[in-house]
C-alpha cells in the first residue's frame, strides 16, 4: 500500500481509471434517463480520460521524472481539451482542482488528498452555471466530505472513505432528482466518478501495478500547451493543414511543432485519408522563420494538404472580422450553416475540436452555437481557452439547429459584437424547437410510458407525443407547437426521411394552419427524423 501519492501512482491511476471506465462504458451509457438517442455519458467519459491518459504519457515521454504536481496538471489539461459533454467537462474540472491542490504539496498523504477533493468540489461547482443536486456534483461533494471526516493522514484510509461516501451519495441521487426516480436509475456522471474513485483506491492499495501503454485513438485530440498571457506575442503567423499520418508519426509532429510555436492544436478528424491512414487537422502559431519548418514537419509525418498560412495581425482584435462556430450533423445542415458563413463541427465535439474551429474562423470575435444542452459546457470551456489566446468569444446557448438558424438570420456585422450576440440569443430564445426520434429504451415520460422503438415527438426537450407512425407523430407535434401561436415554421428532414414526408408535412400545415409561412430543408441529420422550429 502507498503511503504517499506520487507521479508514478498518478500514471497508474490514469491508466486504471480509463480501463475501468471502458469496462463500465455501456452500463453508464444505459443510465441515461431520457429515451432519446443521446445517452453517451459513459462514452464521453472514456474519450475524456483517453485524452488525459495521452497527456500523461506525453509528459512522461518528454520528462520521465515529471513531478507529481506537473503531471497531475497535464492530466487535467488533457482531460479539459479532450472533454466531451457536460460530464467530461465537470470531471476535467475535478481533476484540475486536485492538480491545483497538489501543486503546492510537499507530499500527498491522506490529509492532502482530502484537501484536494475539497478543491475539486469547488472547481466542479464553479464550472456549472446552475448547479443541480443529485448529479456528479453531489457525488464529488460527498467524496470530499467523507474524506475530511476521517481526520486521518493515511492515504489508503482517506481514499477508501472518499470512494465509500461517493457510492452512498450516488445511491441517494434518485431521491434528489425526480427524473432519476421515475427512470429508476442513478446519475450517470456520478457513476462515472465513482468508477474513477474506485480506481484510485485500487491504485493506492496496490503499488506494484504496471501501467499499460497508451492506445492510439484517431478521434481524440492531441494536446495544446497551457496558453500564455498572449499566444500571439512573437508568433506572427498561423499555419494550418490536414495530414494523413499514423498516430506515432503525429506524436513526433506534435513534439516538433511544440518547439516551433504556440497555441498548438492537433485534432484527429476520425476520417480515413483514403490510404488507410487517419486524417489530422493541424493548427499552430509560429514566427515567420518557422513557417517552412512547420510545413516540413507535416511532410515528415505524412501527406499534408490544404495548407494555409495567415498573418495573425489580420485575425486578432483591432480588426472587424467576425465568425461563427456551429455544432451540427448531416450534409444538408452543414451546407445550410456554411452558407451562413459558419464553421461547422460534428455532433458531440471535444473542447479541442471546438477550439480548432474557433481558430479556423480567422476572426477577432466568434460566436459559438452548441445546439445541444450536453455540449454547452464544452462550448464554454472552448470559449475560455480561445479568450486566453486573444479571440473574443461568446456562447449563445442554442439547444437545436433550428434555433441556430434563427440566430444566424439576425446577425448584423454593422452593430457592436456584444449587441449582435444579444440579438442572436433573443432570436434563438424566441424559437421553440421540436424533434421526432426513435426511443432507444423503455421509459416513463411526461406524455406517458414509451417502449424502445416507439416514435417520440419532443417540444423544447420534453416528450409530448408518442406513436408508431412518423407522419402522425409529426402532425401531432406540429399541432402542439403551433397551438401556442407562431408565424414561421422551419422543418429540417433527417437522413432517413422518405421522399413523401416533405409533401405530407407541407399539406398538413397548409390545411390546418393556412396562415403559417413554412420553410423546409433536407438536413440529412442522423438520429432525428425531423427537426422543427416555430418563431
Protein backbone atom coordinates (compact mmCIF):
# COMPACT_ATOMS: atom_id res chain seq x y z
CA UNK A 1 0.00 0.00 0.00
CA UNK A 2 1.16 3.50 -0.75
CA UNK A 3 1.94 5.99 2.00
CA UNK A 4 2.11 8.94 -0.41
CA UNK A 5 0.68 9.61 -3.84
CA UNK A 6 3.50 10.17 -6.34
CA UNK A 7 3.74 10.74 -10.09
CA UNK A 8 4.01 7.02 -10.82
CA UNK A 9 0.79 6.44 -8.90
CA UNK A 10 -0.98 9.19 -10.84
CA UNK A 11 0.14 7.47 -14.04
CA UNK A 12 -1.26 4.16 -12.77
CA UNK A 13 -4.48 5.81 -11.63
CA UNK A 14 -4.99 7.40 -15.03
CA UNK A 15 -4.43 4.07 -16.79
CA UNK A 16 -6.55 2.13 -14.32
CA UNK A 17 -9.33 4.71 -14.34
CA UNK A 18 -9.56 4.61 -18.11
CA UNK A 19 -9.58 0.81 -18.13
CA UNK A 20 -12.37 0.78 -15.53
CA UNK A 21 -14.44 3.35 -17.43
CA UNK A 22 -14.14 1.26 -20.58
CA UNK A 23 -15.36 -1.77 -18.65
CA UNK A 24 -18.39 0.19 -17.38
CA UNK A 25 -18.94 2.32 -20.50
CA UNK A 26 -22.14 0.59 -21.66
CA UNK A 27 -23.55 0.46 -18.14
CA UNK A 28 -23.05 4.21 -17.70
CA UNK A 29 -24.45 4.98 -21.17
CA UNK A 30 -27.57 3.00 -20.24
CA UNK A 31 -28.16 5.19 -17.18
CA UNK A 32 -29.35 7.98 -19.46
CA UNK A 33 -32.72 9.00 -18.04
CA UNK A 34 -34.20 10.07 -21.37
CA UNK A 35 -35.21 7.64 -24.12
CA UNK A 36 -33.75 9.87 -26.86
CA UNK A 37 -30.68 8.59 -28.78
CA UNK A 38 -28.10 10.68 -26.91
CA UNK A 39 -27.24 8.52 -23.91
CA UNK A 40 -23.48 8.71 -24.18
CA UNK A 41 -22.17 9.77 -20.75
CA UNK A 42 -20.04 6.63 -20.49
CA UNK A 43 -18.63 7.14 -23.97
CA UNK A 44 -17.92 10.80 -23.25
CA UNK A 45 -16.03 9.95 -20.06
CA UNK A 46 -13.97 7.31 -21.84
CA UNK A 47 -12.97 9.81 -24.53
CA UNK A 48 -12.21 12.45 -21.90
CA UNK A 49 -9.97 10.11 -19.89
CA UNK A 50 -8.31 8.83 -23.07
CA UNK A 51 -7.17 12.38 -23.78
CA UNK A 52 -5.98 12.69 -20.17
CA UNK A 53 -4.02 9.45 -20.50
CA UNK A 54 -2.38 10.65 -23.72
CA UNK A 55 -1.38 13.86 -21.94
CA UNK A 56 0.21 11.91 -19.08
CA UNK A 57 2.07 9.63 -21.48
CA UNK A 58 3.31 12.63 -23.47
CA UNK A 59 4.52 14.40 -20.32
CA UNK A 60 6.44 11.33 -19.15
CA UNK A 61 7.94 10.88 -22.61
CA UNK A 62 9.21 14.46 -22.53
CA UNK A 63 10.31 14.31 -18.89
CA UNK A 64 10.43 10.78 -17.40
CA UNK A 65 10.73 12.17 -13.87
CA UNK A 66 7.88 14.66 -14.16
CA UNK A 67 6.97 15.94 -10.67
CA UNK A 68 3.59 14.95 -9.24
CA UNK A 69 2.01 18.40 -9.43
CA UNK A 70 3.09 18.97 -13.02
CA UNK A 71 1.93 15.52 -14.13
CA UNK A 72 -1.46 15.97 -12.49
CA UNK A 73 -1.78 19.36 -14.19
CA UNK A 74 -1.05 17.76 -17.56
CA UNK A 75 -3.63 15.08 -16.85
CA UNK A 76 -6.25 17.71 -16.01
CA UNK A 77 -5.45 19.82 -19.05
CA UNK A 78 -5.58 16.78 -21.30
CA UNK A 79 -8.99 15.94 -19.88
CA UNK A 80 -10.19 19.50 -20.49
CA UNK A 81 -9.12 19.61 -24.13
CA UNK A 82 -10.47 16.12 -24.74
CA UNK A 83 -13.66 16.68 -22.73
CA UNK A 84 -16.92 15.73 -24.42
CA UNK A 85 -20.31 16.51 -22.95
CA UNK A 86 -21.07 18.26 -19.68
CA UNK A 87 -19.90 15.22 -17.71
CA UNK A 88 -16.49 15.28 -19.38
CA UNK A 89 -16.00 18.97 -18.63
CA UNK A 90 -17.02 18.56 -14.98
CA UNK A 91 -14.65 15.61 -14.49
CA UNK A 92 -11.86 17.65 -16.08
CA UNK A 93 -12.51 20.40 -13.53
CA UNK A 94 -12.46 17.88 -10.69
CA UNK A 95 -9.01 16.81 -11.89
CA UNK A 96 -7.94 20.45 -12.20
CA UNK A 97 -8.99 21.16 -8.61
CA UNK A 98 -6.93 18.21 -7.43
CA UNK A 99 -3.98 19.33 -9.56
CA UNK A 100 -4.13 22.85 -8.10
CA UNK A 101 -4.04 21.40 -4.58
CA UNK A 102 -1.17 19.03 -5.36
CA UNK A 103 0.90 21.82 -6.96
CA UNK A 104 1.90 23.24 -3.58
CA UNK A 105 2.02 19.96 -1.63
CA UNK A 106 5.32 18.66 -0.30
CA UNK A 107 3.89 15.13 -0.05
CA UNK A 108 0.38 13.87 -0.79
CA UNK A 109 -0.80 11.77 2.11
CA UNK A 110 -4.34 11.35 3.38
CA UNK A 111 -4.89 14.87 4.66
CA UNK A 112 -3.66 16.39 1.39
CA UNK A 113 -5.92 14.08 -0.64
CA UNK A 114 -8.88 15.27 1.44
CA UNK A 115 -7.91 18.90 0.76
CA UNK A 116 -7.55 18.12 -2.94
CA UNK A 117 -11.06 16.67 -3.06
CA UNK A 118 -12.42 19.83 -1.44
CA UNK A 119 -10.72 21.94 -4.10
CA UNK A 120 -12.02 19.54 -6.74
CA UNK A 121 -15.55 20.07 -5.44
CA UNK A 122 -15.19 23.86 -5.59
CA UNK A 123 -13.84 23.67 -9.15
CA UNK A 124 -16.67 21.37 -10.26
CA UNK A 125 -19.40 23.61 -8.86
CA UNK A 126 -17.75 26.69 -10.38
CA UNK A 127 -17.86 25.05 -13.81
CA UNK A 128 -21.66 24.84 -13.80
CA UNK A 129 -23.81 27.96 -14.21
CA UNK A 130 -26.77 26.43 -12.34
CA UNK A 131 -25.57 23.59 -10.09
CA UNK A 132 -28.12 20.82 -9.60
CA UNK A 133 -28.01 18.36 -6.71
CA UNK A 134 -28.48 14.70 -7.48
CA UNK A 135 -25.73 14.82 -10.10
CA UNK A 136 -21.98 14.26 -10.23
CA UNK A 137 -21.67 17.48 -8.19
CA UNK A 138 -23.38 15.87 -5.21
CA UNK A 139 -21.17 12.82 -5.56
CA UNK A 140 -17.86 14.72 -5.57
CA UNK A 141 -19.05 16.89 -2.65
CA UNK A 142 -19.86 13.74 -0.65
CA UNK A 143 -16.48 12.24 -1.52
CA UNK A 144 -14.72 15.33 -0.17
CA UNK A 145 -16.85 15.35 2.97
CA UNK A 146 -16.27 11.64 3.57
CA UNK A 147 -12.52 12.07 3.11
CA UNK A 148 -12.42 15.01 5.53
CA UNK A 149 -14.41 13.24 8.23
CA UNK A 150 -11.75 10.57 8.63
CA UNK A 151 -9.34 13.13 10.11
CA UNK A 152 -6.64 10.70 9.06
CA UNK A 153 -3.36 11.22 7.25
CA UNK A 154 -3.35 7.64 5.99
CA UNK A 155 -3.66 7.76 2.20
CA UNK A 156 -5.49 4.44 1.82
CA UNK A 157 -7.92 5.21 4.63
CA UNK A 158 -8.86 8.57 3.11
CA UNK A 159 -9.17 7.20 -0.43
CA UNK A 160 -11.45 4.39 0.77
CA UNK A 161 -13.59 6.83 2.76
CA UNK A 162 -13.96 9.11 -0.25
CA UNK A 163 -14.98 6.24 -2.55
CA UNK A 164 -17.43 4.87 0.02
CA UNK A 165 -19.07 8.26 0.59
CA UNK A 166 -19.30 8.82 -3.16
CA UNK A 167 -21.07 5.47 -3.64
CA UNK A 168 -23.54 6.31 -0.87
CA UNK A 169 -24.20 9.72 -2.43
CA UNK A 170 -24.75 8.07 -5.81
CA UNK A 171 -27.41 5.84 -4.27
CA UNK A 172 -29.17 8.98 -2.97
CA UNK A 173 -29.30 10.76 -6.35
CA UNK A 174 -32.78 9.39 -7.25
CA UNK A 175 -34.10 10.97 -4.03
CA UNK A 176 -32.69 14.34 -5.12
CA UNK A 177 -33.76 14.31 -8.77
CA UNK A 178 -37.31 13.15 -9.53
CA UNK A 179 -36.38 12.39 -13.14
CA UNK A 180 -33.91 9.77 -11.89
CA UNK A 181 -36.52 8.29 -9.57
CA UNK A 182 -39.06 8.00 -12.40
CA UNK A 183 -36.48 6.23 -14.58
CA UNK A 184 -35.30 4.01 -11.73
CA UNK A 185 -31.62 4.86 -12.25
CA UNK A 186 -28.78 6.74 -10.54
CA UNK A 187 -26.93 9.67 -12.08
CA UNK A 188 -24.68 8.61 -14.97
CA UNK A 189 -21.94 11.20 -14.37
CA UNK A 190 -21.89 10.38 -10.68
CA UNK A 191 -21.50 6.69 -11.51
CA UNK A 192 -18.52 7.53 -13.71
CA UNK A 193 -16.87 9.48 -10.89
CA UNK A 194 -17.39 6.53 -8.53
CA UNK A 195 -15.60 4.31 -11.05
CA UNK A 196 -12.65 6.74 -11.06
CA UNK A 197 -12.52 6.91 -7.26
CA UNK A 198 -12.63 3.12 -7.02
CA UNK A 199 -9.69 3.04 -9.44
CA UNK A 200 -7.84 5.48 -7.16
CA UNK A 201 -8.41 3.12 -4.24
CA UNK A 202 -7.06 0.22 -6.29
CA UNK A 203 -4.01 2.31 -7.17
CA UNK A 204 -3.07 3.24 -3.61
CA UNK A 205 -3.80 -0.26 -2.31
CA UNK A 206 -1.63 -1.99 -4.94
CA UNK A 207 1.65 -0.22 -5.60
CA UNK A 208 3.05 -2.82 -7.99
CA UNK A 209 0.52 -2.35 -10.81
CA UNK A 210 2.24 -1.73 -14.15
CA UNK A 211 0.54 0.89 -16.37
CA UNK A 212 -0.42 -0.14 -19.86
CA UNK A 213 0.91 1.52 -22.97
CA UNK A 214 -1.36 4.36 -24.17
CA UNK A 215 -3.51 3.44 -27.17
CA UNK A 216 -3.51 5.36 -30.44
CA UNK A 217 -7.01 6.77 -30.86
CA UNK A 218 -7.51 8.81 -34.02
CA UNK A 219 -10.65 10.55 -32.82
CA UNK A 220 -9.11 12.01 -29.66
CA UNK A 221 -7.38 15.39 -29.91
CA UNK A 222 -3.73 15.91 -29.23
CA UNK A 223 -2.95 18.46 -26.59
CA UNK A 224 -2.18 22.13 -26.79
CA UNK A 225 0.10 23.60 -24.14
CA UNK A 226 -1.31 25.83 -21.42
CA UNK A 227 -1.94 29.21 -23.08
CA UNK A 228 0.42 32.03 -22.24
CA UNK A 229 -0.77 35.56 -21.50
CA UNK A 230 -0.76 36.20 -25.23
CA UNK A 231 -0.34 33.36 -27.67
CA UNK A 232 0.33 35.92 -30.37
CA UNK A 233 3.38 37.53 -28.79
CA UNK A 234 6.23 36.76 -31.14
CA UNK A 235 4.19 34.20 -33.08
CA UNK A 236 3.14 36.19 -36.15
CA UNK A 237 1.63 33.52 -38.44
CA UNK A 238 -0.98 30.80 -38.22
CA UNK A 239 -0.12 27.60 -40.08
CA UNK A 240 -2.91 25.10 -40.73
CA UNK A 241 -3.06 21.89 -42.73
CA UNK A 242 -4.58 18.43 -42.88
CA UNK A 243 -2.25 15.46 -42.79
CA UNK A 244 -2.81 11.73 -43.27
CA UNK A 245 -0.46 10.01 -40.85
CA UNK A 246 -0.06 7.27 -38.26
CA UNK A 247 -0.65 8.25 -34.64
CA UNK A 248 3.01 7.59 -33.78
CA UNK A 249 4.11 9.99 -36.53
CA UNK A 250 1.68 12.58 -35.20
CA UNK A 251 3.24 12.24 -31.74
CA UNK A 252 6.60 13.23 -33.27
CA UNK A 253 4.90 16.03 -35.24
CA UNK A 254 3.40 17.34 -32.02
CA UNK A 255 6.80 17.46 -30.34
CA UNK A 256 8.35 19.27 -33.30
CA UNK A 257 5.59 21.87 -33.61
CA UNK A 258 5.52 22.47 -29.85
CA UNK A 259 9.14 23.51 -30.15
CA UNK A 260 8.44 25.82 -33.10
CA UNK A 261 5.45 27.79 -31.88
CA UNK A 262 2.44 28.15 -29.60
CA UNK A 263 -1.33 27.57 -29.49
CA UNK A 264 -0.81 24.09 -30.90
CA UNK A 265 -3.91 22.02 -31.59
CA UNK A 266 -3.84 18.68 -33.43
CA UNK A 267 -7.27 17.11 -33.83
CA UNK A 268 -7.94 13.65 -35.20
CA UNK A 269 -10.93 14.04 -37.52
CA UNK A 270 -11.94 10.39 -37.38
CA UNK A 271 -11.79 10.22 -41.19
CA UNK A 272 -9.76 7.91 -43.40
CA UNK A 273 -7.49 9.86 -45.74
CA UNK A 274 -8.03 7.27 -48.49
CA UNK A 275 -4.78 5.37 -47.98
CA UNK A 276 -5.76 3.64 -44.76
CA UNK A 277 -4.29 6.40 -42.57
CA UNK A 278 -6.28 8.61 -40.19
CA UNK A 279 -6.60 12.31 -41.03
CA UNK A 280 -5.48 15.02 -38.58
CA UNK A 281 -6.23 18.75 -38.51
CA UNK A 282 -3.10 20.69 -37.50
CA UNK A 283 -3.05 24.29 -36.26
CA UNK A 284 -0.11 26.21 -34.76
CA UNK A 285 1.08 29.82 -34.34
CA UNK A 286 4.74 30.37 -35.37
CA UNK A 287 7.14 33.20 -36.16
CA UNK A 288 7.89 33.84 -39.83
CA UNK A 289 11.16 31.87 -39.72
CA UNK A 290 9.32 28.74 -38.56
CA UNK A 291 6.66 28.61 -41.30
CA UNK A 292 8.81 26.42 -43.55
CA UNK A 293 9.94 24.06 -40.78
CA UNK A 294 6.33 23.68 -39.60
CA UNK A 295 5.19 22.56 -43.07
CA UNK A 296 8.27 20.35 -43.45
CA UNK A 297 7.34 18.66 -40.16
CA UNK A 298 3.99 17.82 -41.72
CA UNK A 299 5.76 16.31 -44.75
CA UNK A 300 7.88 14.19 -42.43
CA UNK A 301 4.79 12.96 -40.59
CA UNK A 302 2.72 12.08 -43.64
CA UNK A 303 0.96 13.80 -46.53
CA UNK A 304 -0.03 17.39 -45.67
CA UNK A 305 -2.62 19.18 -47.82
CA UNK A 306 -4.99 22.15 -47.65
CA UNK A 307 -2.04 24.12 -46.28
CA UNK A 308 -2.78 27.72 -45.29
CA UNK A 309 -0.60 30.43 -43.75
CA UNK A 310 -2.30 33.54 -42.33
CA UNK A 311 -0.79 36.62 -40.72
CA UNK A 312 -2.22 36.87 -37.19
CA UNK A 313 -2.46 40.64 -37.40
CA UNK A 314 -5.31 40.06 -39.84
CA UNK A 315 -7.14 37.86 -37.34
CA UNK A 316 -6.82 39.44 -33.93
CA UNK A 317 -8.65 42.20 -32.04
CA UNK A 318 -8.41 45.51 -33.82
CA UNK A 319 -9.99 44.07 -36.95
CA UNK A 320 -13.71 43.83 -37.66
CA UNK A 321 -13.64 40.15 -38.64
CA UNK A 322 -16.32 38.00 -37.02
CA UNK A 323 -17.03 34.32 -37.17
CA UNK A 324 -19.46 31.66 -36.01
CA UNK A 325 -18.97 28.03 -34.99
CA UNK A 326 -22.00 25.74 -35.14
CA UNK A 327 -22.35 22.15 -33.92
CA UNK A 328 -24.36 20.10 -36.40
CA UNK A 329 -24.50 16.75 -38.21
CA UNK A 330 -25.81 15.97 -41.69
CA UNK A 331 -24.74 17.15 -45.14
CA UNK A 332 -27.79 19.36 -45.60
CA UNK A 333 -27.47 21.11 -42.25
CA UNK A 334 -23.75 21.55 -42.76
CA UNK A 335 -24.36 23.20 -46.12
CA UNK A 336 -27.02 25.49 -44.62
CA UNK A 337 -24.71 26.72 -41.88
CA UNK A 338 -21.71 27.06 -44.18
CA UNK A 339 -23.85 29.18 -46.49
CA UNK A 340 -24.35 31.48 -43.48
CA UNK A 341 -20.57 31.76 -43.16
CA UNK A 342 -20.25 29.45 -40.15
CA UNK A 343 -17.60 26.82 -39.42
CA UNK A 344 -19.38 23.54 -38.66
CA UNK A 345 -18.24 20.99 -36.05
CA UNK A 346 -19.73 17.48 -35.88
CA UNK A 347 -22.00 16.44 -33.03
CA UNK A 348 -20.58 15.82 -29.56
CA UNK A 349 -17.27 17.64 -30.15
CA UNK A 350 -14.39 17.85 -27.71
CA UNK A 351 -13.13 21.13 -26.30
CA UNK A 352 -10.09 20.95 -28.61
CA UNK A 353 -12.25 20.39 -31.68
CA UNK A 354 -14.36 23.44 -30.88
CA UNK A 355 -11.21 25.43 -30.16
CA UNK A 356 -9.73 24.44 -33.54
CA UNK A 357 -12.96 25.54 -35.22
CA UNK A 358 -12.73 28.93 -33.48
CA UNK A 359 -9.22 29.40 -34.87
CA UNK A 360 -10.39 28.22 -38.30
CA UNK A 361 -12.84 31.15 -38.40
CA UNK A 362 -9.90 33.51 -38.74
CA UNK A 363 -11.85 36.13 -36.82
CA UNK A 364 -11.28 38.52 -33.93
CA UNK A 365 -14.73 37.78 -32.49
CA UNK A 366 -16.54 34.45 -32.69
CA UNK A 367 -19.94 33.23 -31.53
CA UNK A 368 -20.43 29.57 -30.59
CA UNK A 369 -23.77 27.81 -31.16
CA UNK A 370 -23.65 24.39 -29.41
CA UNK A 371 -27.18 23.25 -30.44
CA UNK A 372 -27.35 20.75 -27.60
CA UNK A 373 -27.60 21.17 -23.83
CA UNK A 374 -24.96 18.47 -23.37
CA UNK A 375 -22.45 20.44 -25.48
CA UNK A 376 -22.94 23.75 -23.70
CA UNK A 377 -20.22 23.17 -21.09
CA UNK A 378 -17.78 22.14 -23.84
CA UNK A 379 -18.55 25.38 -25.71
CA UNK A 380 -17.94 27.41 -22.55
CA UNK A 381 -14.61 25.64 -21.98
CA UNK A 382 -13.55 26.25 -25.59
CA UNK A 383 -14.55 29.90 -25.29
CA UNK A 384 -12.35 30.35 -22.22
CA UNK A 385 -9.40 28.74 -23.99
CA UNK A 386 -9.90 30.94 -27.05
CA UNK A 387 -10.17 34.09 -24.91
CA UNK A 388 -6.80 33.22 -23.36
CA UNK A 389 -5.41 33.13 -26.91
CA UNK A 390 -6.79 36.59 -27.72
CA UNK A 391 -10.04 35.76 -29.52
CA UNK A 392 -13.25 37.33 -28.22
CA UNK A 393 -15.79 34.50 -27.94
CA UNK A 394 -19.42 34.38 -26.80
CA UNK A 395 -21.68 31.36 -26.45
CA UNK A 396 -25.35 31.55 -27.46
CA UNK A 397 -26.99 28.60 -25.63
CA UNK A 398 -28.89 27.09 -28.55
CA UNK A 399 -30.48 23.68 -27.95
CA UNK A 400 -31.29 22.77 -31.56
CA UNK A 401 -30.04 23.55 -35.08
CA UNK A 402 -33.32 25.35 -35.82
CA UNK A 403 -32.52 27.83 -33.04
CA UNK A 404 -29.07 28.35 -34.57
CA UNK A 405 -30.67 29.07 -37.96
CA UNK A 406 -32.89 31.67 -36.28
CA UNK A 407 -29.89 33.22 -34.52
CA UNK A 408 -27.73 33.43 -37.64
CA UNK A 409 -30.60 35.00 -39.59
CA UNK A 410 -30.45 38.15 -37.44
CA UNK A 411 -26.68 38.65 -37.48
CA UNK A 412 -25.64 42.18 -38.37
CA UNK A 413 -21.92 42.96 -38.56
CA UNK A 414 -22.75 46.64 -38.64
CA UNK A 415 -23.54 46.71 -34.94
CA UNK A 416 -21.21 46.06 -31.98
CA UNK A 417 -20.40 42.39 -31.38
CA UNK A 418 -21.98 42.36 -27.92
CA UNK A 419 -25.24 43.75 -29.30
CA UNK A 420 -25.14 41.21 -32.11
CA UNK A 421 -24.77 38.37 -29.60
CA UNK A 422 -27.75 39.67 -27.61
CA UNK A 423 -29.88 39.83 -30.76
CA UNK A 424 -28.87 36.28 -31.70
CA UNK A 425 -29.67 34.99 -28.22
CA UNK A 426 -33.08 36.67 -28.30
CA UNK A 427 -33.86 35.17 -31.72
CA UNK A 428 -32.82 31.71 -30.55
CA UNK A 429 -34.86 32.03 -27.37
CA UNK A 430 -37.94 33.08 -29.35
CA UNK A 431 -37.73 29.90 -31.45
CA UNK A 432 -39.50 26.90 -29.93
CA UNK A 433 -37.88 23.69 -31.10
CA UNK A 434 -39.28 20.24 -31.69
CA UNK A 435 -37.80 16.87 -32.61
CA UNK A 436 -39.00 13.47 -33.72
CA UNK A 437 -36.78 10.50 -32.90
CA UNK A 438 -36.96 6.80 -32.10
CA UNK A 439 -36.98 5.80 -28.42
CA UNK A 440 -33.85 3.88 -27.50
CA UNK A 441 -35.24 2.30 -24.33
CA UNK A 442 -38.41 1.80 -22.34
CA UNK A 443 -39.09 4.88 -20.22
CA UNK A 444 -41.73 6.81 -18.32
CA UNK A 445 -42.14 10.28 -19.87
CA UNK A 446 -44.40 13.23 -19.12
CA UNK A 447 -46.55 12.03 -22.04
CA UNK A 448 -46.81 8.52 -20.57
CA UNK A 449 -44.78 5.31 -20.91
CA UNK A 450 -42.89 4.57 -24.12
CA UNK A 451 -41.28 1.42 -25.46
CA UNK A 452 -37.96 1.08 -27.24
CA UNK A 453 -38.72 1.57 -30.93
CA UNK A 454 -41.62 3.99 -30.41
CA UNK A 455 -41.50 7.36 -32.16
CA UNK A 456 -41.24 10.33 -29.83
CA UNK A 457 -42.23 13.93 -30.51
CA UNK A 458 -40.39 16.36 -28.21
CA UNK A 459 -41.06 20.06 -27.63
CA UNK A 460 -38.26 22.04 -26.00
CA UNK A 461 -36.66 18.79 -24.87
CA UNK A 462 -39.73 17.18 -23.26
CA UNK A 463 -41.68 14.26 -24.76
CA UNK A 464 -45.18 15.40 -25.76
CA UNK A 465 -46.18 12.82 -28.37
CA UNK A 466 -45.70 9.04 -28.54
CA UNK A 467 -46.67 6.93 -31.54
CA UNK A 468 -45.63 4.46 -34.20
CA UNK A 469 -46.28 6.35 -37.46
CA UNK A 470 -43.83 9.10 -38.45
CA UNK A 471 -46.40 11.19 -40.28
CA UNK A 472 -48.94 11.00 -37.45
CA UNK A 473 -46.36 11.83 -34.75
CA UNK A 474 -45.02 14.74 -36.84
CA UNK A 475 -48.52 16.13 -37.41
CA UNK A 476 -49.38 15.99 -33.71
CA UNK A 477 -46.04 17.54 -32.80
CA UNK A 478 -46.56 20.49 -35.16
CA UNK A 479 -50.12 20.99 -33.92
CA UNK A 480 -48.86 21.01 -30.32
CA UNK A 481 -46.18 23.57 -31.18
CA UNK A 482 -48.42 25.83 -33.28
CA UNK A 483 -51.24 25.72 -30.74
CA UNK A 484 -49.27 28.29 -28.75
CA UNK A 485 -49.00 30.65 -31.74
CA UNK A 486 -46.36 31.25 -34.37
CA UNK A 487 -45.74 32.82 -37.76
CA UNK A 488 -42.83 30.93 -39.27
CA UNK A 489 -42.22 27.17 -39.22
CA UNK A 490 -38.84 25.68 -40.19
CA UNK A 491 -38.67 21.94 -40.86
CA UNK A 492 -35.41 20.01 -41.27
CA UNK A 493 -35.80 16.46 -42.58
CA UNK A 494 -33.50 13.71 -41.32
CA UNK A 495 -31.26 11.31 -43.22
CA UNK A 496 -33.88 8.56 -43.34
CA UNK A 497 -36.83 10.76 -44.35
CA UNK A 498 -38.88 9.34 -47.20
CA UNK A 499 -39.40 11.40 -50.39
CA UNK A 500 -43.08 11.73 -49.47
CA UNK A 501 -42.56 13.18 -45.98
CA UNK A 502 -41.99 16.78 -47.05
CA UNK A 503 -45.14 16.87 -49.16
CA UNK A 504 -47.16 15.26 -46.37
CA UNK A 505 -45.97 17.82 -43.80
CA UNK A 506 -46.50 20.76 -46.16
CA UNK A 507 -50.04 19.59 -46.87
CA UNK A 508 -50.85 19.21 -43.18
CA UNK A 509 -49.53 22.66 -42.24
CA UNK A 510 -51.29 24.39 -45.16
CA UNK A 511 -54.62 22.68 -44.38
CA UNK A 512 -54.52 23.06 -40.61
CA UNK A 513 -52.57 26.31 -40.23
CA UNK A 514 -53.16 28.18 -43.52
CA UNK A 515 -51.58 31.48 -42.46
CA UNK A 516 -48.24 29.98 -41.42
CA UNK A 517 -45.10 30.60 -43.51
CA UNK A 518 -43.27 27.30 -43.99
CA UNK A 519 -39.62 26.57 -44.82
CA UNK A 520 -38.47 23.00 -45.37
CA UNK A 521 -34.89 21.70 -45.78
CA UNK A 522 -33.26 18.33 -46.31
CA UNK A 523 -30.90 18.32 -43.33
CA UNK A 524 -29.62 14.77 -43.61
CA UNK A 525 -29.08 14.62 -39.84
CA UNK A 526 -28.83 11.18 -38.20
CA UNK A 527 -30.85 10.10 -35.16
CA UNK A 528 -33.60 12.72 -35.54
CA UNK A 529 -36.17 12.10 -38.28
CA UNK A 530 -37.45 15.68 -38.07
CA UNK A 531 -36.36 18.95 -36.51
CA UNK A 532 -38.95 21.71 -36.25
CA UNK A 533 -38.72 25.36 -35.25
CA UNK A 534 -41.59 27.77 -34.61
CA UNK A 535 -40.98 31.51 -34.48
